[in-house]
């Protein structure tokens, strides 16, 4: 069963929780009636044991057993680091 776990690649959009990140996975699909290609995104809560992920990182997540009410994914690797944005109150 371990070999059949799904893996997805997405961008971290929130890292405000402890040991949890929210990952947005984008995909394109064709509209069933009009045929236009549209972008669809879905958000997954994923477990990040060492709190290494930051907003903007591109990560690979893997399906796992339920870890909490909404968390069913685990971050397996960080593919690229996002741009660090420094906020200033000007």
PDB file of N, CA and C in Angstrom:
ATOM      1  N   UNK A   1       0.828  -1.206   0.000  1.00  0.00           N
ATOM      2  CA  UNK A   1       0.000   0.000   0.000  1.00  0.00           C
ATOM      3  C   UNK A   1       0.869   1.265   0.000  1.00  0.00           C
ATOM      4  N   UNK A   2       2.049   1.217   0.634  1.00  0.00           N
ATOM      5  CA  UNK A   2       2.885   2.412   0.710  1.00  0.00           C
ATOM      6  C   UNK A   2       3.285   2.917  -0.664  1.00  0.00           C
ATOM      7  N   UNK A   3       3.499   2.043  -1.629  1.00  0.00           N
ATOM      8  CA  UNK A   3       3.915   2.454  -2.956  1.00  0.00           C
ATOM      9  C   UNK A   3       2.821   3.137  -3.746  1.00  0.00           C
ATOM     10  N   UNK A   4       1.587   3.019  -3.298  1.00  0.00           N
ATOM     11  CA  UNK A   4       0.453   3.576  -4.043  1.00  0.00           C
ATOM     12  C   UNK A   4       0.010   4.941  -3.527  1.00  0.00           C
ATOM     13  N   UNK A   5       0.715   5.485  -2.576  1.00  0.00           N
ATOM     14  CA  UNK A   5       0.313   6.784  -2.032  1.00  0.00           C
ATOM     15  C   UNK A   5       0.497   7.873  -3.080  1.00  0.00           C
ATOM     16  N   UNK A   6      -0.490   8.766  -3.158  1.00  0.00           N
ATOM     17  CA  UNK A   6      -0.417   9.848  -4.127  1.00  0.00           C
ATOM     18  C   UNK A   6       0.586  10.900  -3.668  1.00  0.00           C
ATOM     19  N   UNK A   7       1.259  11.511  -4.626  1.00  0.00           N
ATOM     20  CA  UNK A   7       2.123  12.646  -4.331  1.00  0.00           C
ATOM     21  C   UNK A   7       1.687  13.812  -5.207  1.00  0.00           C
ATOM     22  N   UNK A   8       1.740  15.004  -4.641  1.00  0.00           N
ATOM     23  CA  UNK A   8       1.359  16.223  -5.347  1.00  0.00           C
ATOM     24  C   UNK A   8       2.448  17.269  -5.136  1.00  0.00           C
ATOM     25  N   UNK A   9       2.531  18.220  -6.049  1.00  0.00           N
ATOM     26  CA  UNK A   9       3.478  19.326  -5.932  1.00  0.00           C
ATOM     27  C   UNK A   9       2.676  20.614  -5.866  1.00  0.00           C
ATOM     28  N   UNK A  10       2.989  21.451  -4.880  1.00  0.00           N
ATOM     29  CA  UNK A  10       2.258  22.701  -4.731  1.00  0.00           C
ATOM     30  C   UNK A  10       3.080  23.748  -4.008  1.00  0.00           C
ATOM     31  N   UNK A  11       2.464  24.909  -3.826  1.00  0.00           N
ATOM     32  CA  UNK A  11       3.133  26.048  -3.194  1.00  0.00           C
ATOM     33  C   UNK A  11       2.555  26.281  -1.807  1.00  0.00           C
ATOM     34  N   UNK A  12       3.422  26.561  -0.848  1.00  0.00           N
ATOM     35  CA  UNK A  12       2.989  26.840   0.513  1.00  0.00           C
ATOM     36  C   UNK A  12       2.369  28.232   0.543  1.00  0.00           C
ATOM     37  N   UNK A  13       1.119  28.320   1.018  1.00  0.00           N
ATOM     38  CA  UNK A  13       0.446  29.617   1.089  1.00  0.00           C
ATOM     39  C   UNK A  13       0.276  30.103   2.526  1.00  0.00           C
ATOM     40  N   UNK A  14       0.462  29.193   3.507  1.00  0.00           N
ATOM     41  CA  UNK A  14       0.369  29.604   4.903  1.00  0.00           C
ATOM     42  C   UNK A  14       1.237  28.689   5.759  1.00  0.00           C
ATOM     43  N   UNK A  15       1.974  29.295   6.695  1.00  0.00           N
ATOM     44  CA  UNK A  15       2.789  28.508   7.624  1.00  0.00           C
ATOM     45  C   UNK A  15       2.575  28.985   9.057  1.00  0.00           C
ATOM     46  N   UNK A  16       1.401  29.531   9.351  1.00  0.00           N
ATOM     47  CA  UNK A  16       1.141  30.141  10.643  1.00  0.00           C
ATOM     48  C   UNK A  16       0.845  29.129  11.745  1.00  0.00           C
ATOM     49  N   UNK A  17       0.506  27.887  11.371  1.00  0.00           N
ATOM     50  CA  UNK A  17       0.214  26.868  12.372  1.00  0.00           C
ATOM     51  C   UNK A  17       1.498  26.151  12.787  1.00  0.00           C
ATOM     52  N   UNK A  18       1.457  25.496  13.935  1.00  0.00           N
ATOM     53  CA  UNK A  18       2.610  24.741  14.414  1.00  0.00           C
ATOM     54  C   UNK A  18       2.627  23.368  13.766  1.00  0.00           C
ATOM     55  N   UNK A  19       3.721  23.040  13.065  1.00  0.00           N
ATOM     56  CA  UNK A  19       3.924  21.759  12.389  1.00  0.00           C
ATOM     57  C   UNK A  19       2.906  21.476  11.289  1.00  0.00           C
ATOM     58  N   UNK A  20       2.266  22.517  10.776  1.00  0.00           N
ATOM     59  CA  UNK A  20       1.296  22.364   9.689  1.00  0.00           C
ATOM     60  C   UNK A  20       1.475  23.500   8.699  1.00  0.00           C
ATOM     61  N   UNK A  21       1.396  23.177   7.414  1.00  0.00           N
ATOM     62  CA  UNK A  21       1.411  24.189   6.360  1.00  0.00           C
ATOM     63  C   UNK A  21       0.210  23.955   5.453  1.00  0.00           C
ATOM     64  N   UNK A  22      -0.239  25.022   4.809  1.00  0.00           N
ATOM     65  CA  UNK A  22      -1.300  24.916   3.825  1.00  0.00           C
ATOM     66  C   UNK A  22      -0.643  25.005   2.454  1.00  0.00           C
ATOM     67  N   UNK A  23      -0.894  23.990   1.615  1.00  0.00           N
ATOM     68  CA  UNK A  23      -0.260  23.894   0.302  1.00  0.00           C
ATOM     69  C   UNK A  23      -1.342  24.026  -0.761  1.00  0.00           C
ATOM     70  N   UNK A  24      -1.127  24.959  -1.711  1.00  0.00           N
ATOM     71  CA  UNK A  24      -2.062  25.127  -2.834  1.00  0.00           C
ATOM     72  C   UNK A  24      -1.525  24.354  -4.034  1.00  0.00           C
ATOM     73  N   UNK A  25      -2.352  23.446  -4.548  1.00  0.00           N
ATOM     74  CA  UNK A  25      -1.980  22.651  -5.711  1.00  0.00           C
ATOM     75  C   UNK A  25      -2.812  23.133  -6.892  1.00  0.00           C
ATOM     76  N   UNK A  26      -2.131  23.610  -7.943  1.00  0.00           N
ATOM     77  CA  UNK A  26      -2.807  24.101  -9.140  1.00  0.00           C
ATOM     78  C   UNK A  26      -2.809  23.022 -10.213  1.00  0.00           C
ATOM     79  N   UNK A  27      -3.899  22.950 -10.955  1.00  0.00           N
ATOM     80  CA  UNK A  27      -3.953  22.062 -12.107  1.00  0.00           C
ATOM     81  C   UNK A  27      -4.842  22.710 -13.161  1.00  0.00           C
ATOM     82  N   UNK A  28      -4.654  22.309 -14.400  1.00  0.00           N
ATOM     83  CA  UNK A  28      -5.483  22.836 -15.475  1.00  0.00           C
ATOM     84  C   UNK A  28      -6.415  21.738 -15.954  1.00  0.00           C
ATOM     85  N   UNK A  29      -7.618  22.146 -16.330  1.00  0.00           N
ATOM     86  CA  UNK A  29      -8.574  21.196 -16.878  1.00  0.00           C
ATOM     87  C   UNK A  29      -9.443  21.907 -17.892  1.00  0.00           C
ATOM     88  N   UNK A  30     -10.078  21.139 -18.723  1.00  0.00           N
ATOM     89  CA  UNK A  30     -10.919  21.688 -19.772  1.00  0.00           C
ATOM     90  C   UNK A  30     -12.354  21.798 -19.270  1.00  0.00           C
ATOM     91  N   UNK A  31     -12.992  22.932 -19.551  1.00  0.00           N
ATOM     92  CA  UNK A  31     -14.373  23.122 -19.158  1.00  0.00           C
ATOM     93  C   UNK A  31     -15.243  22.100 -19.900  1.00  0.00           C
ATOM     94  N   UNK A  32     -16.156  21.417 -19.195  1.00  0.00           N
ATOM     95  CA  UNK A  32     -16.900  20.338 -19.842  1.00  0.00           C
ATOM     96  C   UNK A  32     -17.798  20.779 -20.997  1.00  0.00           C
ATOM     97  N   UNK A  33     -18.344  21.983 -20.938  1.00  0.00           N
ATOM     98  CA  UNK A  33     -19.249  22.436 -21.997  1.00  0.00           C
ATOM     99  C   UNK A  33     -18.543  23.306 -23.031  1.00  0.00           C
ATOM    100  N   UNK A  34     -17.770  24.280 -22.576  1.00  0.00           N
ATOM    101  CA  UNK A  34     -17.195  25.268 -23.485  1.00  0.00           C
ATOM    102  C   UNK A  34     -15.805  24.904 -24.005  1.00  0.00           C
ATOM    103  N   UNK A  35     -15.133  23.961 -23.372  1.00  0.00           N
ATOM    104  CA  UNK A  35     -13.842  23.514 -23.875  1.00  0.00           C
ATOM    105  C   UNK A  35     -12.674  24.415 -23.532  1.00  0.00           C
ATOM    106  N   UNK A  36     -12.914  25.523 -22.846  1.00  0.00           N
ATOM    107  CA  UNK A  36     -11.821  26.426 -22.488  1.00  0.00           C
ATOM    108  C   UNK A  36     -10.979  25.808 -21.373  1.00  0.00           C
ATOM    109  N   UNK A  37      -9.669  25.979 -21.446  1.00  0.00           N
ATOM    110  CA  UNK A  37      -8.779  25.475 -20.415  1.00  0.00           C
ATOM    111  C   UNK A  37      -8.808  26.443 -19.238  1.00  0.00           C
ATOM    112  N   UNK A  38      -9.134  25.914 -18.066  1.00  0.00           N
ATOM    113  CA  UNK A  38      -9.223  26.754 -16.878  1.00  0.00           C
ATOM    114  C   UNK A  38      -8.284  26.219 -15.808  1.00  0.00           C
ATOM    115  N   UNK A  39      -7.813  27.118 -14.938  1.00  0.00           N
ATOM    116  CA  UNK A  39      -6.921  26.734 -13.858  1.00  0.00           C
ATOM    117  C   UNK A  39      -7.754  26.507 -12.605  1.00  0.00           C
ATOM    118  N   UNK A  40      -7.578  25.343 -11.994  1.00  0.00           N
ATOM    119  CA  UNK A  40      -8.298  24.984 -10.781  1.00  0.00           C
ATOM    120  C   UNK A  40      -7.266  24.751  -9.689  1.00  0.00           C
ATOM    121  N   UNK A  41      -7.514  25.280  -8.500  1.00  0.00           N
ATOM    122  CA  UNK A  41      -6.575  25.066  -7.411  1.00  0.00           C
ATOM    123  C   UNK A  41      -7.311  24.496  -6.207  1.00  0.00           C
ATOM    124  N   UNK A  42      -6.580  23.731  -5.414  1.00  0.00           N
ATOM    125  CA  UNK A  42      -7.136  23.145  -4.202  1.00  0.00           C
ATOM    126  C   UNK A  42      -6.105  23.289  -3.100  1.00  0.00           C
ATOM    127  N   UNK A  43      -6.574  23.477  -1.867  1.00  0.00           N
ATOM    128  CA  UNK A  43      -5.680  23.672  -0.729  1.00  0.00           C
ATOM    129  C   UNK A  43      -5.686  22.427   0.154  1.00  0.00           C
ATOM    130  N   UNK A  44      -4.484  21.997   0.549  1.00  0.00           N
ATOM    131  CA  UNK A  44      -4.336  20.838   1.412  1.00  0.00           C
ATOM    132  C   UNK A  44      -3.549  21.252   2.645  1.00  0.00           C
ATOM    133  N   UNK A  45      -3.951  20.733   3.816  1.00  0.00           N
ATOM    134  CA  UNK A  45      -3.149  20.919   5.023  1.00  0.00           C
ATOM    135  C   UNK A  45      -2.174  19.759   5.104  1.00  0.00           C
ATOM    136  N   UNK A  46      -0.894  20.076   5.287  1.00  0.00           N
ATOM    137  CA  UNK A  46       0.148  19.055   5.308  1.00  0.00           C
ATOM    138  C   UNK A  46       0.988  19.183   6.562  1.00  0.00           C
ATOM    139  N   UNK A  47       1.475  18.045   7.036  1.00  0.00           N
ATOM    140  CA  UNK A  47       2.292  17.992   8.246  1.00  0.00           C
ATOM    141  C   UNK A  47       3.744  18.341   7.913  1.00  0.00           C
ATOM    142  N   UNK A  48       4.307  19.286   8.670  1.00  0.00           N
ATOM    143  CA  UNK A  48       5.696  19.716   8.501  1.00  0.00           C
ATOM    144  C   UNK A  48       6.380  19.585   9.861  1.00  0.00           C
ATOM    145  N   UNK A  49       7.004  18.445  10.097  1.00  0.00           N
ATOM    146  CA  UNK A  49       7.511  18.097  11.428  1.00  0.00           C
ATOM    147  C   UNK A  49       8.495  19.120  11.988  1.00  0.00           C
ATOM    148  N   UNK A  50       9.457  19.599  11.195  1.00  0.00           N
ATOM    149  CA  UNK A  50      10.486  20.512  11.700  1.00  0.00           C
ATOM    150  C   UNK A  50      10.166  21.986  11.467  1.00  0.00           C
ATOM    151  N   UNK A  51       8.981  22.318  10.988  1.00  0.00           N
ATOM    152  CA  UNK A  51       8.611  23.706  10.684  1.00  0.00           C
ATOM    153  C   UNK A  51       9.614  24.358   9.740  1.00  0.00           C
ATOM    154  N   UNK A  52      10.041  23.647   8.699  1.00  0.00           N
ATOM    155  CA  UNK A  52      11.039  24.163   7.762  1.00  0.00           C
ATOM    156  C   UNK A  52      10.419  24.961   6.629  1.00  0.00           C
ATOM    157  N   UNK A  53       9.179  24.697   6.275  1.00  0.00           N
ATOM    158  CA  UNK A  53       8.548  25.342   5.118  1.00  0.00           C
ATOM    159  C   UNK A  53       8.180  26.778   5.434  1.00  0.00           C
ATOM    160  N   UNK A  54       8.341  27.621   4.442  1.00  0.00           N
ATOM    161  CA  UNK A  54       7.947  29.027   4.533  1.00  0.00           C
ATOM    162  C   UNK A  54       7.012  29.347   3.387  1.00  0.00           C
ATOM    163  N   UNK A  55       6.289  30.443   3.494  1.00  0.00           N
ATOM    164  CA  UNK A  55       5.359  30.861   2.439  1.00  0.00           C
ATOM    165  C   UNK A  55       6.138  31.090   1.149  1.00  0.00           C
ATOM    166  N   UNK A  56       5.645  30.531   0.059  1.00  0.00           N
ATOM    167  CA  UNK A  56       6.288  30.679  -1.238  1.00  0.00           C
ATOM    168  C   UNK A  56       7.113  29.487  -1.654  1.00  0.00           C
ATOM    169  N   UNK A  57       7.421  28.584  -0.725  1.00  0.00           N
ATOM    170  CA  UNK A  57       8.196  27.389  -1.066  1.00  0.00           C
ATOM    171  C   UNK A  57       7.361  26.452  -1.939  1.00  0.00           C
ATOM    172  N   UNK A  58       8.026  25.786  -2.867  1.00  0.00           N
ATOM    173  CA  UNK A  58       7.375  24.741  -3.660  1.00  0.00           C
ATOM    174  C   UNK A  58       7.762  23.413  -3.026  1.00  0.00           C
ATOM    175  N   UNK A  59       6.746  22.627  -2.639  1.00  0.00           N
ATOM    176  CA  UNK A  59       6.992  21.396  -1.891  1.00  0.00           C
ATOM    177  C   UNK A  59       6.285  20.209  -2.544  1.00  0.00           C
ATOM    178  N   UNK A  60       6.777  19.018  -2.225  1.00  0.00           N
ATOM    179  CA  UNK A  60       6.102  17.781  -2.622  1.00  0.00           C
ATOM    180  C   UNK A  60       5.436  17.213  -1.377  1.00  0.00           C
ATOM    181  N   UNK A  61       4.151  16.876  -1.480  1.00  0.00           N
ATOM    182  CA  UNK A  61       3.425  16.298  -0.352  1.00  0.00           C
ATOM    183  C   UNK A  61       2.967  14.897  -0.723  1.00  0.00           C
ATOM    184  N   UNK A  62       2.866  14.030   0.299  1.00  0.00           N
ATOM    185  CA  UNK A  62       2.464  12.653   0.091  1.00  0.00           C
ATOM    186  C   UNK A  62       1.269  12.327   0.993  1.00  0.00           C
ATOM    187  N   UNK A  63       0.360  11.542   0.472  1.00  0.00           N
ATOM    188  CA  UNK A  63      -0.812  11.122   1.209  1.00  0.00           C
ATOM    189  C   UNK A  63      -0.400  10.270   2.407  1.00  0.00           C
ATOM    190  N   UNK A  64      -1.122  10.405   3.529  1.00  0.00           N
ATOM    191  CA  UNK A  64      -0.797   9.614   4.716  1.00  0.00           C
ATOM    192  C   UNK A  64      -2.083   9.305   5.476  1.00  0.00           C
ATOM    193  N   UNK A  65      -1.914   8.649   6.593  1.00  0.00           N
ATOM    194  CA  UNK A  65      -3.074   8.373   7.444  1.00  0.00           C
ATOM    195  C   UNK A  65      -3.581   9.693   8.019  1.00  0.00           C
ATOM    196  N   UNK A  66      -4.820   9.746   8.487  1.00  0.00           N
ATOM    197  CA  UNK A  66      -5.320  10.981   9.087  1.00  0.00           C
ATOM    198  C   UNK A  66      -4.513  11.368  10.325  1.00  0.00           C
ATOM    199  N   UNK A  67      -3.971  12.588  10.307  1.00  0.00           N
ATOM    200  CA  UNK A  67      -3.184  13.083  11.432  1.00  0.00           C
ATOM    201  C   UNK A  67      -3.998  14.010  12.326  1.00  0.00           C
ATOM    202  N   UNK A  68      -5.047  14.593  11.793  1.00  0.00           N
ATOM    203  CA  UNK A  68      -5.976  15.415  12.563  1.00  0.00           C
ATOM    204  C   UNK A  68      -7.280  15.479  11.766  1.00  0.00           C
ATOM    205  N   UNK A  69      -8.165  16.361  12.155  1.00  0.00           N
ATOM    206  CA  UNK A  69      -9.462  16.442  11.486  1.00  0.00           C
ATOM    207  C   UNK A  69      -9.335  16.718   9.999  1.00  0.00           C
ATOM    208  N   UNK A  70      -8.419  17.605   9.599  1.00  0.00           N
ATOM    209  CA  UNK A  70      -8.293  17.991   8.194  1.00  0.00           C
ATOM    210  C   UNK A  70      -6.946  17.636   7.576  1.00  0.00           C
ATOM    211  N   UNK A  71      -6.003  17.146   8.376  1.00  0.00           N
ATOM    212  CA  UNK A  71      -4.644  16.925   7.888  1.00  0.00           C
ATOM    213  C   UNK A  71      -4.453  15.470   7.474  1.00  0.00           C
ATOM    214  N   UNK A  72      -4.239  15.253   6.146  1.00  0.00           N
ATOM    215  CA  UNK A  72      -4.038  13.906   5.619  1.00  0.00           C
ATOM    216  C   UNK A  72      -2.827  13.819   4.699  1.00  0.00           C
ATOM    217  N   UNK A  73      -1.960  14.817   4.745  1.00  0.00           N
ATOM    218  CA  UNK A  73      -0.793  14.867   3.862  1.00  0.00           C
ATOM    219  C   UNK A  73       0.439  15.184   4.682  1.00  0.00           C
ATOM    220  N   UNK A  74       1.618  14.764   4.183  1.00  0.00           N
ATOM    221  CA  UNK A  74       2.897  15.020   4.845  1.00  0.00           C
ATOM    222  C   UNK A  74       3.848  15.628   3.822  1.00  0.00           C
ATOM    223  N   UNK A  75       4.581  16.664   4.225  1.00  0.00           N
ATOM    224  CA  UNK A  75       5.588  17.265   3.352  1.00  0.00           C
ATOM    225  C   UNK A  75       6.775  16.306   3.274  1.00  0.00           C
ATOM    226  N   UNK A  76       7.109  15.859   2.047  1.00  0.00           N
ATOM    227  CA  UNK A  76       8.228  14.925   1.896  1.00  0.00           C
ATOM    228  C   UNK A  76       9.518  15.648   1.530  1.00  0.00           C
ATOM    229  N   UNK A  77       9.430  16.700   0.705  1.00  0.00           N
ATOM    230  CA  UNK A  77      10.642  17.450   0.368  1.00  0.00           C
ATOM    231  C   UNK A  77      10.290  18.860  -0.086  1.00  0.00           C
ATOM    232  N   UNK A  78      11.251  19.749   0.110  1.00  0.00           N
ATOM    233  CA  UNK A  78      11.120  21.123  -0.363  1.00  0.00           C
ATOM    234  C   UNK A  78      11.864  21.204  -1.686  1.00  0.00           C
ATOM    235  N   UNK A  79      11.138  21.476  -2.768  1.00  0.00           N
ATOM    236  CA  UNK A  79      11.744  21.489  -4.093  1.00  0.00           C
ATOM    237  C   UNK A  79      12.471  22.797  -4.376  1.00  0.00           C
ATOM    238  N   UNK A  80      11.890  23.926  -3.968  1.00  0.00           N
ATOM    239  CA  UNK A  80      12.576  25.207  -4.136  1.00  0.00           C
ATOM    240  C   UNK A  80      12.081  26.180  -3.078  1.00  0.00           C
ATOM    241  N   UNK A  81      12.959  27.055  -2.700  1.00  0.00           N
ATOM    242  CA  UNK A  81      12.622  28.072  -1.702  1.00  0.00           C
ATOM    243  C   UNK A  81      11.963  29.268  -2.375  1.00  0.00           C
ATOM    244  N   UNK A  82      10.984  29.865  -1.690  1.00  0.00           N
ATOM    245  CA  UNK A  82      10.298  31.030  -2.226  1.00  0.00           C
ATOM    246  C   UNK A  82      11.069  32.291  -1.979  1.00  0.00           C
ATOM    247  N   UNK A  83      10.601  33.348  -2.586  1.00  0.00           N
ATOM    248  CA  UNK A  83      11.212  34.658  -2.397  1.00  0.00           C
ATOM    249  C   UNK A  83      10.865  35.166  -0.999  1.00  0.00           C
ATOM    250  N   UNK A  84      11.850  35.664  -0.282  1.00  0.00           N
ATOM    251  CA  UNK A  84      11.570  36.253   1.012  1.00  0.00           C
ATOM    252  C   UNK A  84      11.052  37.648   0.817  1.00  0.00           C
ATOM    253  N   UNK A  85       9.895  37.925   1.374  1.00  0.00           N
ATOM    254  CA  UNK A  85       9.278  39.245   1.251  1.00  0.00           C
ATOM    255  C   UNK A  85       9.409  39.954   2.595  1.00  0.00           C
ATOM    256  N   UNK A  86      10.048  41.109   2.579  1.00  0.00           N
ATOM    257  CA  UNK A  86      10.225  41.888   3.790  1.00  0.00           C
ATOM    258  C   UNK A  86       9.175  42.998   3.802  1.00  0.00           C
ATOM    259  N   UNK A  87       8.309  42.950   4.817  1.00  0.00           N
ATOM    260  CA  UNK A  87       7.238  43.938   4.892  1.00  0.00           C
ATOM    261  C   UNK A  87       7.737  45.136   5.690  1.00  0.00           C
ATOM    262  N   UNK A  88       7.477  46.328   5.146  1.00  0.00           N
ATOM    263  CA  UNK A  88       7.830  47.557   5.855  1.00  0.00           C
ATOM    264  C   UNK A  88       6.594  48.421   5.952  1.00  0.00           C
ATOM    265  N   UNK A  89       6.452  49.076   7.065  1.00  0.00           N
ATOM    266  CA  UNK A  89       5.322  49.991   7.270  1.00  0.00           C
ATOM    267  C   UNK A  89       5.777  51.397   6.921  1.00  0.00           C
ATOM    268  N   UNK A  90       5.537  51.759   5.668  1.00  0.00           N
ATOM    269  CA  UNK A  90       6.002  53.071   5.216  1.00  0.00           C
ATOM    270  C   UNK A  90       4.884  54.069   5.171  1.00  0.00           C
TER     271      UNK A  90
END
